C-alpha atoms as a PDB file:
ATOM      1  CA  PHE A   1     -53.325 -72.907 115.945  1.00  0.00           C
ATOM      2  CA  LYS A   2     -49.741 -73.556 116.654  1.00  0.00           C
ATOM      3  CA  CYS A   3     -48.531 -71.804 113.908  1.00  0.00           C
ATOM      4  CA  ALA A   4     -50.963 -68.608 114.118  1.00  0.00           C
ATOM      5  CA  ILE A   5     -48.824 -65.360 115.108  1.00  0.00           C
ATOM      6  CA  PRO A   6     -51.227 -63.011 117.110  1.00  0.00           C
ATOM      7  CA  TYR A   7     -50.866 -59.333 115.965  1.00  0.00           C
ATOM      8  CA  GLY A   8     -53.244 -56.804 117.740  1.00  0.00           C
ATOM      9  CA  VAL A   9     -56.673 -58.023 117.661  1.00  0.00           C
ATOM     10  CA  LEU A  10     -55.971 -60.477 114.795  1.00  0.00           C
ATOM     11  CA  SER A  11     -55.420 -64.077 116.261  1.00  0.00           C
ATOM     12  CA  ALA A  12     -53.855 -65.250 113.013  1.00  0.00           C
ATOM     13  CA  PHE A  13     -52.176 -62.342 111.415  1.00  0.00           C
ATOM     14  CA  ASN A  14     -49.946 -64.448 109.300  1.00  0.00           C
ATOM     15  CA  ASN A  15     -52.995 -66.261 107.632  1.00  0.00           C
ATOM     16  CA  VAL A  16     -54.715 -62.791 107.236  1.00  0.00           C
ATOM     17  CA  TRP A  17     -51.268 -61.414 105.430  1.00  0.00           C
ATOM     18  CA  SER A  18     -50.890 -64.330 103.157  1.00  0.00           C
ATOM     19  CA  ASN A  19     -53.896 -63.188 101.360  1.00  0.00           C
ATOM     20  CA  THR A  20     -52.019 -60.252 100.334  1.00  0.00           C
ATOM     21  CA  GLY A  21     -50.672 -62.034  97.476  1.00  0.00           C
ATOM     22  CA  TYR A  22     -53.891 -62.992  95.746  1.00  0.00           C
ATOM     23  CA  ILE A  23     -54.810 -59.282  95.917  1.00  0.00           C
ATOM     24  CA  LEU A  24     -51.721 -58.004  94.380  1.00  0.00           C
ATOM     25  CA  LEU A  25     -51.325 -60.635  91.829  1.00  0.00           C
ATOM     26  CA  GLY A  26     -55.162 -60.073  90.939  1.00  0.00           C
ATOM     27  CA  THR A  27     -54.495 -56.472  90.376  1.00  0.00           C
ATOM     28  CA  ILE A  28     -51.490 -56.965  88.549  1.00  0.00           C
ATOM     29  CA  PHE A  29     -53.271 -59.249  86.246  1.00  0.00           C
ATOM     30  CA  ILE A  30     -56.007 -56.948  85.436  1.00  0.00           C
ATOM     31  CA  ILE A  31     -53.175 -54.402  84.780  1.00  0.00           C
ATOM     32  CA  ILE A  32     -51.592 -56.567  82.335  1.00  0.00           C
ATOM     33  CA  ILE A  33     -54.825 -57.381  80.622  1.00  0.00           C
ATOM     34  CA  THR A  34     -55.816 -53.815  80.377  1.00  0.00           C
ATOM     35  CA  ILE A  35     -52.049 -53.281  78.525  1.00  0.00           C
ATOM     36  CA  ARG A  36     -53.035 -56.183  76.053  1.00  0.00           C
ATOM     37  CA  LYS A  37     -56.268 -54.912  75.099  1.00  0.00           C
ATOM     38  CA  TYR A  38     -54.861 -51.556  74.740  1.00  0.00           C
ATOM     39  CA  ARG A  39     -52.175 -52.844  72.503  1.00  0.00           C
ATOM     40  CA  PHE A  40     -54.442 -55.207  70.388  1.00  0.00           C
ATOM     41  CA  ARG A  41     -57.181 -52.032  69.847  1.00  0.00           C
ATOM     42  CA  LYS A  42     -54.339 -50.058  68.680  1.00  0.00           C
ATOM     43  CA  ALA A  43     -52.827 -52.601  66.289  1.00  0.00           C
ATOM     44  CA  VAL A  44     -56.452 -53.106  64.863  1.00  0.00           C
ATOM     45  CA  GLN A  45     -56.800 -49.264  64.378  1.00  0.00           C
ATOM     46  CA  ASN A  46     -53.756 -49.485  62.539  1.00  0.00           C
ATOM     47  CA  ASP A  47     -54.490 -52.479  59.947  1.00  0.00           C
ATOM     48  CA  ARG A  48     -58.047 -53.120  60.117  1.00  0.00           C
ATOM     49  CA  GLU A  49     -57.914 -55.352  56.920  1.00  0.00           C
ATOM     50  CA  PHE A  50     -55.715 -57.673  58.516  1.00  0.00           C
ATOM     51  CA  TYR A  51     -57.994 -58.104  61.602  1.00  0.00           C
ATOM     52  CA  HIS A  52     -60.957 -58.806  59.415  1.00  0.00           C
ATOM     53  CA  THR A  53     -59.156 -61.425  57.147  1.00  0.00           C
ATOM     54  CA  HIS A  54     -56.676 -63.464  59.476  1.00  0.00           C
ATOM     55  CA  ALA A  55     -57.264 -62.436  63.082  1.00  0.00           C
ATOM     56  CA  LEU A  56     -59.602 -64.063  65.395  1.00  0.00           C
ATOM     57  CA  PRO A  57     -61.796 -61.966  67.944  1.00  0.00           C
ATOM     58  CA  GLN A  58     -60.492 -61.280  71.232  1.00  0.00           C
ATOM     59  CA  PHE A  59     -62.705 -61.356  74.345  1.00  0.00           C
ATOM     60  CA  PHE A  60     -60.999 -59.696  77.331  1.00  0.00           C
ATOM     61  CA  GLY A  61     -64.127 -60.289  79.849  1.00  0.00           C
ATOM     62  CA  VAL A  62     -63.230 -63.683  81.132  1.00  0.00           C
ATOM     63  CA  TYR A  63     -59.832 -62.286  81.900  1.00  0.00           C
ATOM     64  CA  TYR A  64     -60.992 -59.322  83.912  1.00  0.00           C
ATOM     65  CA  ALA A  65     -63.470 -61.705  85.722  1.00  0.00           C
ATOM     66  CA  MET A  66     -60.723 -63.945  86.552  1.00  0.00           C
ATOM     67  CA  GLY A  67     -58.529 -60.874  87.773  1.00  0.00           C
ATOM     68  CA  ILE A  68     -61.434 -59.501  89.910  1.00  0.00           C
ATOM     69  CA  ALA A  69     -62.374 -63.077  91.372  1.00  0.00           C
ATOM     70  CA  MET A  70     -58.663 -63.312  92.438  1.00  0.00           C
ATOM     71  CA  VAL A  71     -58.588 -60.069  94.267  1.00  0.00           C
ATOM     72  CA  MET A  72     -62.072 -60.992  95.907  1.00  0.00           C
ATOM     73  CA  GLU A  73     -60.463 -64.377  96.953  1.00  0.00           C
ATOM     74  CA  GLY A  74     -58.032 -62.611  98.833  1.00  0.00           C
ATOM     75  CA  LEU A  75     -60.390 -60.246 100.617  1.00  0.00           C
ATOM     76  CA  MET A  76     -62.822 -62.799 101.229  1.00  0.00           C
ATOM     77  CA  SER A  77     -60.141 -65.311 102.607  1.00  0.00           C
ATOM     78  CA  GLY A  78     -58.486 -62.670 104.638  1.00  0.00           C
ATOM     79  CA  PHE A  79     -61.869 -61.977 106.329  1.00  0.00           C
ATOM     80  CA  TYR A  80     -62.465 -65.675 107.043  1.00  0.00           C
ATOM     81  CA  HIS A  81     -59.035 -65.885 108.905  1.00  0.00           C
ATOM     82  CA  ILE A  82     -59.917 -62.923 110.639  1.00  0.00           C
ATOM     83  CA  CYS A  83     -62.872 -64.554 112.448  1.00  0.00           C
ATOM     84  CA  PRO A  84     -62.819 -68.420 111.369  1.00  0.00           C
ATOM     85  CA  SER A  85     -66.175 -70.029 111.651  1.00  0.00           C
ATOM     86  CA  GLY A  86     -68.299 -72.450 109.898  1.00  0.00           C
ATOM     87  CA  ALA A  87     -70.699 -69.738 108.499  1.00  0.00           C
ATOM     88  CA  ASN A  88     -67.426 -67.473 107.334  1.00  0.00           C
ATOM     89  CA  PHE A  89     -66.056 -70.586 105.433  1.00  0.00           C
ATOM     90  CA  GLN A  90     -68.436 -70.130 102.533  1.00  0.00           C
ATOM     91  CA  PHE A  91     -66.565 -66.517 102.060  1.00  0.00           C
ATOM     92  CA  ASP A  92     -63.293 -68.209 101.981  1.00  0.00           C
ATOM     93  CA  THR A  93     -64.181 -71.066  99.268  1.00  0.00           C
ATOM     94  CA  ALA A  94     -67.077 -69.048  96.980  1.00  0.00           C
ATOM     95  CA  PHE A  95     -64.614 -67.497  94.983  1.00  0.00           C
ATOM     96  CA  MET A  96     -62.377 -70.555  94.354  1.00  0.00           C
ATOM     97  CA  PHE A  97     -65.289 -72.233  92.698  1.00  0.00           C
ATOM     98  CA  ILE A  98     -65.876 -68.960  90.652  1.00  0.00           C
ATOM     99  CA  ILE A  99     -62.280 -68.991  89.601  1.00  0.00           C
ATOM    100  CA  GLY A 100     -62.405 -72.620  88.538  1.00  0.00           C
ATOM    101  CA  GLY A 101     -65.280 -71.767  86.341  1.00  0.00           C
ATOM    102  CA  LEU A 102     -63.586 -69.106  84.995  1.00  0.00           C
ATOM    103  CA  LEU A 103     -60.771 -71.050  83.963  1.00  0.00           C
ATOM    104  CA  LEU A 104     -62.978 -73.592  82.377  1.00  0.00           C
ATOM    105  CA  ALA A 105     -64.884 -71.203  80.511  1.00  0.00           C
ATOM    106  CA  LYS A 106     -61.312 -69.804  79.431  1.00  0.00           C
ATOM    107  CA  ILE A 107     -60.205 -73.353  78.463  1.00  0.00           C
ATOM    108  CA  PHE A 108     -63.307 -73.768  76.104  1.00  0.00           C
ATOM    109  CA  GLN A 109     -62.662 -70.369  74.866  1.00  0.00           C
ATOM    110  CA  ASN A 110     -59.096 -70.797  73.816  1.00  0.00           C
ATOM    111  CA  ARG A 111     -60.092 -74.288  72.166  1.00  0.00           C
ATOM    112  CA  HIS A 112     -63.293 -72.673  70.317  1.00  0.00           C
ATOM    113  CA  PRO A 113     -61.967 -69.163  69.494  1.00  0.00           C
ATOM    114  CA  ASP A 114     -64.714 -68.431  66.999  1.00  0.00           C
ATOM    115  CA  PHE A 115     -67.394 -69.238  69.379  1.00  0.00           C
ATOM    116  CA  HIS A 116     -68.634 -66.475  71.845  1.00  0.00           C
ATOM    117  CA  ALA A 117     -71.523 -67.093  73.997  1.00  0.00           C
ATOM    118  CA  ASN A 118     -73.887 -64.098  74.756  1.00  0.00           C
ATOM    119  CA  ALA A 119     -75.156 -62.815  77.745  1.00  0.00           C
END
């Protein structure tokens, strides 16, 4: 804990503050995906024939899940760094595994764009 910077009741404020990047970038990522989804839907409405003959289906659900997982990683890692313990460590790592799984799912979806798994 030599690098810990105490602030108020937080024993390591710098570790808590460093997680705001995950929250901010996850939120920005969700906004970007929402804009892309809106633009895609608008383009499809303008030219439905092109979509049905040339375009691949677009699925934005995995992107939204990645953005939400990134925000949750920032929150849960911040909670862990407020009071670090062995029990709280699972909150810090759980969303890292979820993000890794979602990245694998998105890589598979990009390599096989015509394949869509149902819930």
